[in-house]
Amino acid sequence: MDTEAELSDSWWERVKYYARLAIERVEYGVDAVKEYSWGGEVLALDKTGIG
């Protein structure tokens, strides 16, 4: 059975993992908006899976 410390470590690792995913998605979104704003409409739409 897991100890309280192991459960805490596991929880913290999951928090860090999901935080990294969120950061990557925000960065991706910012890059897509920049490309769209600077005339890369087709590329930005292709990256989002819309075009």
Protein backbone atom coordinates (compact mmCIF):
# COMPACT_ATOMS: atom_id res chain seq x y z
CA MET A 1 0.00 0.00 0.00
CA ASP A 2 1.19 3.54 -0.81
CA THR A 3 2.36 5.71 2.00
CA GLU A 4 1.12 9.26 2.37
CA ALA A 5 4.49 10.59 1.11
CA GLU A 6 4.32 8.42 -2.02
CA LEU A 7 0.77 9.54 -2.72
CA SER A 8 1.83 13.16 -2.27
CA ASP A 9 4.78 12.73 -4.66
CA SER A 10 2.55 11.04 -7.23
CA TRP A 11 -0.01 13.83 -6.99
CA TRP A 12 2.68 16.49 -7.38
CA GLU A 13 4.12 14.75 -10.45
CA ARG A 14 0.66 14.75 -12.05
CA VAL A 15 0.22 18.45 -11.25
CA LYS A 16 3.56 19.28 -12.90
CA TYR A 17 2.74 17.10 -15.93
CA TYR A 18 -0.61 18.81 -16.54
CA ALA A 19 0.93 22.24 -15.96
CA ARG A 20 3.52 21.51 -18.66
CA LEU A 21 0.76 20.41 -21.05
CA ALA A 22 -1.18 23.61 -20.37
CA ILE A 23 1.91 25.75 -20.98
CA GLU A 24 2.61 23.97 -24.26
CA ARG A 25 -0.97 24.52 -25.42
CA VAL A 26 -0.85 28.22 -24.53
CA GLU A 27 2.47 28.63 -26.37
CA TYR A 28 1.05 26.79 -29.38
CA GLY A 29 -2.02 29.01 -29.35
CA VAL A 30 0.07 32.18 -29.16
CA ASP A 31 2.20 31.00 -32.09
CA ALA A 32 -0.91 30.20 -34.13
CA VAL A 33 -2.34 33.66 -33.45
CA LYS A 34 0.97 35.30 -34.40
CA GLU A 35 1.07 33.38 -37.69
CA TYR A 36 -2.53 34.33 -38.44
CA SER A 37 -1.86 37.98 -37.58
CA TRP A 38 1.20 38.13 -39.83
CA GLY A 39 -0.45 36.74 -42.95
CA GLY A 40 0.06 33.02 -42.34
CA GLU A 41 -3.67 32.30 -42.33
CA VAL A 42 -3.46 28.99 -44.20
CA LEU A 43 -0.60 27.66 -42.07
CA ALA A 44 -2.33 28.71 -38.84
CA LEU A 45 -5.56 26.99 -39.86
CA ASP A 46 -3.70 23.84 -40.92
CA LYS A 47 -1.94 23.63 -37.55
CA THR A 48 -5.25 23.77 -35.71
CA GLY A 49 -6.72 21.01 -37.82
CA ILE A 50 -9.40 23.26 -39.27
CA GLY A 51 -7.96 23.80 -42.74
